[in-house]
Amino acid sequence: MHKADRTRRHEGSDMDAVLGIDIAKAKFTVALRTPDGKQRRKTCPNTPAGFEELAGWLTRQHVTHVHACLEATGTYGEALATWLSDAGHRVSLVNPAVIHAYARVHLTRSKTDDVDAGLIAQFTATQQPSLWTPPLPEIRTLQALVRRLDALYGMHTQETNRLAAGVTVAAVRASIEAVLVNLDAQIAQVTQLIREHIDRHPGLRHQRALLTSIPGIGDATAAVLIAELFDKPYTSARQAAAFAGLVPRLHQSGTLQGRAHLSKIGPARVRKALYFPALTALRFNPTIRAVRLRLVAAGKPKMVIIGAAMRRLIHIAYGVLKSGKEYQATCSHP
């Protein structure tokens, strides 16, 4: 479908059917609400064959276009969301916390795949969530590489911990050591693939250059930020920080007021990638050093200061990407 055709359809798509999707690793359940008020359910395998099964089912329901909505729950729903968008449907990816809050407001007591899909369909029909745009192919590839590298590091940590725990059987120790050697080789290979992939795409290469101009952010962190955070059209730095789960959440009820904590809603991979760069920035980045001095003077604990540094790094990163200019310590960034 041509872009102009899709734009015209989206502008006049108020009567599109609504498709609420409850996604899982092996399957997904859909609740279809047609403009005439009818509702139908179907469960399909979460595979390309299952996507085609869904397409055939929609055709038999005489439905051409839908506004599909599913929770943004990691990688399980990305393939289906991309497939629906490529097929010309409108797609929304919604934070699960939003759906949970909507369920509480409507006093939903049961929790099954059918109920969840119906609830998401109702939410979509009444709230009209914003549309999701799938990332560019080069971003999709970078995401896959970054996530693979993260998984390799996770496996490396597990094996290292097993070795450190004390292995008394020589054969087992040799097995762990062999796995670690292989993981080291894989980590080096995937790291090189990420570097080469970014080098091949001028847009990604320019973003990396801008991000690595910020003291504390190196190539590895820049790759994660490009793949997992700045692939979305934010309108403000605070919006980007909120997506990363790095804005404070205050707990207050009546006269009781708790300590503010980071919301931690969003991809943990981004927060993990920013932790050590934040520690470096607290020492060497003039802007963030000033944040540390202010918070230390206010008596804030260490983790609050690190969280503030991570949040400030996102603000600075948003600023350099938006301006297209490398970081300058004397400049004011949003």
Protein backbone atom coordinates (compact mmCIF):
# COMPACT_ATOMS: atom_id res chain seq x y z
CA MET A 1 0.00 0.00 0.00
CA HIS A 2 1.37 3.42 -0.98
CA LYS A 3 2.07 5.91 1.80
CA ALA A 4 -0.44 8.41 0.39
CA ASP A 5 -3.14 5.74 0.29
CA ARG A 6 -2.42 4.78 3.89
CA THR A 7 -2.52 8.43 4.98
CA ARG A 8 -5.91 8.96 3.32
CA ARG A 9 -7.24 5.79 4.92
CA HIS A 10 -5.98 6.78 8.35
CA GLU A 11 -7.59 10.20 8.08
CA GLY A 12 -10.97 8.65 7.42
CA SER A 13 -10.67 5.49 9.49
CA ASP A 14 -13.06 6.26 12.35
CA MET A 15 -15.19 3.29 11.31
CA ASP A 16 -12.32 0.82 11.27
CA ALA A 17 -12.88 -2.30 13.35
CA VAL A 18 -10.96 -2.51 16.62
CA LEU A 19 -8.71 -5.46 17.38
CA GLY A 20 -7.59 -5.97 20.97
CA ILE A 21 -4.66 -8.39 21.22
CA ASP A 22 -3.47 -10.30 24.27
CA ILE A 23 0.04 -11.42 23.37
CA ALA A 24 2.05 -14.31 24.77
CA LYS A 25 5.21 -16.14 23.76
CA ALA A 26 3.52 -19.02 21.91
CA LYS A 27 0.14 -17.59 20.97
CA PHE A 28 -2.01 -14.49 20.85
CA THR A 29 -5.75 -14.00 21.41
CA VAL A 30 -7.67 -11.28 19.59
CA ALA A 31 -11.00 -9.63 20.34
CA LEU A 32 -12.57 -8.05 17.26
CA ARG A 33 -15.07 -5.22 17.69
CA THR A 34 -16.68 -4.31 14.38
CA PRO A 35 -18.35 -0.93 13.74
CA ASP A 36 -21.77 -2.59 13.95
CA GLY A 37 -21.08 -3.57 17.56
CA LYS A 38 -20.37 -7.28 17.07
CA GLN A 39 -17.55 -8.95 18.99
CA ARG A 40 -15.63 -12.09 18.09
CA ARG A 41 -12.59 -13.88 19.54
CA LYS A 42 -9.82 -15.98 18.02
CA THR A 43 -6.52 -17.48 19.17
CA CYS A 44 -3.60 -17.99 16.78
CA PRO A 45 0.01 -19.17 17.09
CA ASN A 46 2.47 -16.33 17.59
CA THR A 47 4.29 -17.22 14.36
CA PRO A 48 4.25 -15.97 10.76
CA ALA A 49 1.82 -18.79 9.97
CA GLY A 50 -0.40 -17.54 12.79
CA PHE A 51 -0.31 -14.02 11.35
CA GLU A 52 -1.57 -15.37 8.02
CA GLU A 53 -4.24 -17.32 9.88
CA LEU A 54 -5.36 -14.04 11.47
CA ALA A 55 -5.46 -12.36 8.06
CA GLY A 56 -7.69 -15.11 6.66
CA TRP A 57 -9.98 -14.90 9.68
CA LEU A 58 -10.34 -11.12 9.32
CA THR A 59 -11.22 -11.58 5.66
CA ARG A 60 -13.95 -14.08 6.59
CA GLN A 61 -15.32 -11.51 9.04
CA HIS A 62 -15.48 -9.04 6.12
CA VAL A 63 -12.99 -6.76 7.88
CA THR A 64 -10.48 -4.93 5.72
CA HIS A 65 -8.82 -2.54 8.15
CA VAL A 66 -8.45 -2.57 11.92
CA HIS A 67 -7.05 -0.39 14.65
CA ALA A 68 -5.04 -3.06 16.46
CA CYS A 69 -3.73 -2.56 19.96
CA LEU A 70 -1.46 -4.70 22.11
CA GLU A 71 0.66 -4.23 25.18
CA ALA A 72 4.31 -3.32 24.73
CA THR A 73 5.67 -6.40 26.49
CA GLY A 74 9.16 -6.82 25.07
CA THR A 75 9.83 -8.87 21.98
CA TYR A 76 6.77 -11.15 21.96
CA GLY A 77 4.52 -8.69 20.16
CA GLU A 78 6.97 -6.83 17.93
CA ALA A 79 6.74 -9.23 14.98
CA LEU A 80 2.94 -9.19 14.99
CA ALA A 81 2.80 -5.38 15.39
CA THR A 82 5.22 -4.95 12.48
CA TRP A 83 3.29 -7.42 10.33
CA LEU A 84 -0.02 -5.62 11.01
CA SER A 85 1.51 -2.23 10.20
CA ASP A 86 3.10 -3.54 6.99
CA ALA A 87 -0.33 -4.94 6.01
CA GLY A 88 -1.80 -1.43 6.21
CA HIS A 89 -3.53 -1.60 9.59
CA ARG A 90 -3.29 1.03 12.29
CA VAL A 91 -1.34 -0.24 15.31
CA SER A 92 -0.93 1.00 18.88
CA LEU A 93 1.56 -0.33 21.40
CA VAL A 94 0.48 0.56 24.93
CA ASN A 95 2.38 0.32 28.19
CA PRO A 96 0.92 -2.58 30.22
CA ALA A 97 0.59 -0.27 33.24
CA VAL A 98 -1.94 1.81 31.28
CA ILE A 99 -4.06 -1.26 30.52
CA HIS A 100 -3.85 -2.43 34.14
CA ALA A 101 -5.00 0.99 35.35
CA TYR A 102 -7.87 0.92 32.85
CA ALA A 103 -8.88 -2.55 34.13
CA ARG A 104 -8.93 -1.30 37.74
CA VAL A 105 -11.10 1.68 36.81
CA HIS A 106 -13.60 -0.67 35.14
CA LEU A 107 -13.46 -3.14 38.07
CA THR A 108 -12.31 -6.03 35.89
CA ARG A 109 -11.99 -9.04 38.21
CA SER A 110 -11.31 -11.92 35.85
CA LYS A 111 -8.03 -12.36 34.01
CA THR A 112 -7.99 -14.71 31.03
CA ASP A 113 -6.65 -14.32 27.52
CA ASP A 114 -10.17 -13.67 26.19
CA VAL A 115 -10.96 -11.16 28.92
CA ASP A 116 -7.66 -9.34 28.45
CA ALA A 117 -8.09 -9.14 24.68
CA GLY A 118 -11.63 -7.81 25.13
CA LEU A 119 -10.43 -5.24 27.66
CA ILE A 120 -7.71 -4.02 25.27
CA ALA A 121 -10.31 -3.77 22.48
CA GLN A 122 -12.58 -1.73 24.75
CA PHE A 123 -9.66 0.50 25.76
CA THR A 124 -8.79 1.08 22.10
CA ALA A 125 -12.35 1.90 21.11
CA THR A 126 -12.88 4.37 23.94
CA GLN A 127 -9.42 5.91 24.41
CA GLN A 128 -8.08 5.99 20.83
CA PRO A 129 -4.40 5.43 21.79
CA SER A 130 -1.73 7.03 19.65
CA LEU A 131 -0.44 5.11 16.66
CA TRP A 132 2.84 3.23 16.58
CA THR A 133 5.26 3.41 13.68
CA PRO A 134 7.54 0.41 13.17
CA PRO A 135 11.26 1.18 13.29
CA LEU A 136 13.28 1.39 10.09
CA PRO A 137 14.89 -1.85 8.87
CA GLU A 138 18.36 -0.72 9.97
CA ILE A 139 17.00 0.00 13.46
CA ARG A 140 15.34 -3.42 13.60
CA THR A 141 18.67 -5.05 12.79
CA LEU A 142 20.48 -2.94 15.37
CA GLN A 143 17.87 -3.84 17.99
CA ALA A 144 18.36 -7.55 17.29
CA LEU A 145 22.14 -7.23 17.57
CA VAL A 146 22.00 -5.14 20.75
CA ARG A 147 19.60 -7.58 22.38
CA ARG A 148 21.76 -10.53 21.38
CA LEU A 149 24.80 -8.86 22.92
CA ASP A 150 22.86 -8.21 26.11
CA ALA A 151 21.84 -11.89 26.25
CA LEU A 152 25.44 -12.99 25.75
CA TYR A 153 26.61 -10.77 28.60
CA GLY A 154 23.87 -12.26 30.77
CA MET A 155 25.01 -15.80 30.01
CA HIS A 156 28.62 -14.79 30.65
CA THR A 157 27.68 -13.42 34.08
CA GLN A 158 25.83 -16.62 34.96
CA GLU A 159 28.77 -18.83 34.03
CA THR A 160 31.25 -16.56 35.79
CA ASN A 161 29.15 -16.71 38.96
CA ARG A 162 29.03 -20.51 38.76
CA LEU A 163 32.81 -20.62 38.50
CA ALA A 164 33.24 -18.15 41.36
CA ALA A 165 30.90 -20.21 43.58
CA GLY A 166 33.53 -22.92 43.69
CA VAL A 167 33.43 -25.94 41.40
CA THR A 168 35.05 -29.03 42.89
CA VAL A 169 34.64 -31.34 39.89
CA ALA A 170 37.40 -30.73 37.35
CA ALA A 171 35.29 -31.80 34.39
CA VAL A 172 32.56 -29.31 35.30
CA ARG A 173 35.08 -26.53 35.82
CA ALA A 174 36.60 -27.25 32.41
CA SER A 175 33.13 -27.18 30.84
CA ILE A 176 32.35 -23.78 32.35
CA GLU A 177 35.71 -22.39 31.28
CA ALA A 178 35.13 -23.64 27.71
CA VAL A 179 31.71 -22.00 27.62
CA LEU A 180 33.23 -18.73 28.86
CA VAL A 181 35.86 -18.82 26.12
CA ASN A 182 33.12 -19.33 23.53
CA LEU A 183 31.00 -16.54 25.04
CA ASP A 184 33.98 -14.16 24.97
CA ALA A 185 34.41 -14.91 21.27
CA GLN A 186 30.70 -14.39 20.58
CA ILE A 187 30.64 -11.13 22.52
CA ALA A 188 33.59 -9.84 20.50
CA GLN A 189 31.96 -10.94 17.24
CA VAL A 190 28.56 -9.36 17.95
CA THR A 191 30.24 -6.17 19.18
CA GLN A 192 32.08 -5.99 15.86
CA LEU A 193 28.84 -6.65 13.95
CA ILE A 194 27.17 -3.75 15.76
CA ARG A 195 30.06 -1.44 14.94
CA GLU A 196 30.06 -2.46 11.26
CA HIS A 197 26.28 -2.17 10.99
CA ILE A 198 26.32 1.39 12.33
CA ASP A 199 29.25 2.26 10.06
CA ARG A 200 27.26 1.14 6.99
CA HIS A 201 24.36 3.53 7.70
CA PRO A 202 25.19 7.25 7.61
CA GLY A 203 22.22 8.19 9.80
CA LEU A 204 23.18 5.73 12.53
CA ARG A 205 26.84 6.70 12.22
CA HIS A 206 25.95 10.38 12.71
CA GLN A 207 23.83 9.59 15.76
CA ARG A 208 26.66 7.57 17.27
CA ALA A 209 29.10 10.44 16.72
CA LEU A 210 26.73 12.88 18.44
CA LEU A 211 26.07 10.59 21.41
CA THR A 212 29.71 9.64 21.96
CA SER A 213 30.63 13.32 22.10
CA ILE A 214 28.93 13.31 25.53
CA PRO A 215 31.43 12.49 28.32
CA GLY A 216 30.42 9.15 29.80
CA ILE A 217 28.77 7.68 26.69
CA GLY A 218 30.80 5.26 24.59
CA ASP A 219 30.05 3.18 21.51
CA ALA A 220 28.24 0.40 23.39
CA THR A 221 25.90 2.74 25.25
CA ALA A 222 25.29 4.80 22.11
CA ALA A 223 24.20 1.66 20.24
CA VAL A 224 21.68 0.79 22.97
CA LEU A 225 20.29 4.34 23.06
CA ILE A 226 19.90 4.45 19.28
CA ALA A 227 18.27 1.03 19.11
CA GLU A 228 16.07 1.04 22.20
CA LEU A 229 15.34 4.66 23.12
CA PHE A 230 15.79 7.18 20.33
CA ASP A 231 13.95 5.21 17.65
CA LYS A 232 10.74 7.00 18.72
CA PRO A 233 9.44 10.51 17.91
CA TYR A 234 9.65 12.18 21.30
CA THR A 235 8.50 15.77 21.68
CA SER A 236 10.65 16.49 24.74
CA ALA A 237 13.63 15.19 26.68
CA ARG A 238 11.37 14.49 29.65
CA GLN A 239 9.23 12.26 27.45
CA ALA A 240 12.31 10.24 26.51
CA ALA A 241 13.35 9.97 30.17
CA ALA A 242 9.83 8.88 31.11
CA PHE A 243 9.91 6.15 28.47
CA ALA A 244 13.17 4.90 29.97
CA GLY A 245 11.57 4.80 33.43
CA LEU A 246 13.90 7.46 34.82
CA VAL A 247 11.42 10.03 36.10
CA PRO A 248 10.59 10.15 39.83
CA ARG A 249 7.29 8.75 41.05
CA LEU A 250 5.96 10.24 44.29
CA HIS A 251 3.89 8.13 46.69
CA GLN A 252 1.58 10.33 48.76
CA SER A 253 -1.77 9.67 50.42
CA GLY A 254 -3.37 12.15 52.82
CA THR A 255 -0.83 13.11 55.43
CA LEU A 256 1.43 10.18 54.52
CA GLN A 257 4.19 10.96 52.07
CA GLY A 258 6.66 8.33 50.94
CA ARG A 259 10.03 8.74 49.32
CA ALA A 260 10.02 9.32 45.55
CA HIS A 261 11.36 6.45 43.45
CA LEU A 262 12.19 6.03 39.79
CA SER A 263 9.14 4.79 37.91
CA LYS A 264 11.18 2.04 36.15
CA ILE A 265 8.42 1.76 33.54
CA GLY A 266 10.04 1.03 30.22
CA PRO A 267 12.94 -1.03 28.90
CA ALA A 268 15.28 -2.10 31.71
CA ARG A 269 17.96 -2.57 29.04
CA VAL A 270 18.24 1.22 28.65
CA ARG A 271 18.60 1.82 32.38
CA LYS A 272 21.20 -0.93 32.66
CA ALA A 273 23.15 0.54 29.75
CA LEU A 274 23.19 3.97 31.41
CA TYR A 275 24.28 2.90 34.90
CA PHE A 276 28.05 2.78 34.45
CA PRO A 277 28.12 5.73 32.01
CA ALA A 278 26.31 7.72 34.71
CA LEU A 279 29.04 6.82 37.22
CA THR A 280 31.67 7.99 34.75
CA ALA A 281 29.73 11.16 33.94
CA LEU A 282 29.44 12.01 37.63
CA ARG A 283 33.24 12.26 37.67
CA PHE A 284 34.12 13.65 34.25
CA ASN A 285 31.07 15.36 32.70
CA PRO A 286 30.98 19.00 33.88
CA THR A 287 27.20 19.31 33.54
CA ILE A 288 26.52 16.16 35.55
CA ARG A 289 29.20 16.92 38.11
CA ALA A 290 27.21 20.06 38.89
CA VAL A 291 24.09 17.91 39.39
CA ARG A 292 26.03 15.69 41.82
CA LEU A 293 27.28 18.65 43.86
CA ARG A 294 23.78 20.09 44.14
CA LEU A 295 22.22 16.78 45.23
CA VAL A 296 25.03 15.96 47.67
CA ALA A 297 24.54 19.37 49.28
CA ALA A 298 20.83 18.56 49.58
CA GLY A 299 21.68 15.32 51.39
CA LYS A 300 20.39 12.99 48.68
CA PRO A 301 21.47 9.31 48.84
CA LYS A 302 23.85 7.74 46.33
CA MET A 303 21.23 5.93 44.23
CA VAL A 304 19.11 9.08 43.88
CA ILE A 305 22.19 10.89 42.56
CA ILE A 306 22.95 8.09 40.08
CA GLY A 307 19.33 8.09 38.91
CA ALA A 308 19.49 11.85 38.40
CA ALA A 309 22.72 11.44 36.42
CA MET A 310 21.12 8.80 34.18
CA ARG A 311 18.13 11.06 33.60
CA ARG A 312 20.38 14.03 32.84
CA LEU A 313 22.35 11.95 30.33
CA ILE A 314 19.11 11.24 28.46
CA HIS A 315 18.26 14.96 28.47
CA ILE A 316 21.69 15.81 27.06
CA ALA A 317 21.47 12.97 24.51
CA TYR A 318 18.06 14.20 23.37
CA GLY A 319 19.49 17.71 23.01
CA VAL A 320 22.46 16.75 20.84
CA LEU A 321 20.34 14.49 18.60
CA LYS A 322 17.67 17.16 18.17
CA SER A 323 20.17 19.92 17.45
CA GLY A 324 22.47 17.76 15.34
CA LYS A 325 25.44 19.32 17.12
CA GLU A 326 28.03 17.60 19.28
CA TYR A 327 27.98 18.14 23.01
CA GLN A 328 29.59 21.26 24.38
CA ALA A 329 29.93 21.64 28.13
CA THR A 330 29.22 25.35 27.93
CA CYS A 331 25.96 24.86 25.99
CA SER A 332 22.55 24.55 27.58
CA HIS A 333 20.84 21.29 26.69
CA PRO A 334 17.16 20.58 27.22
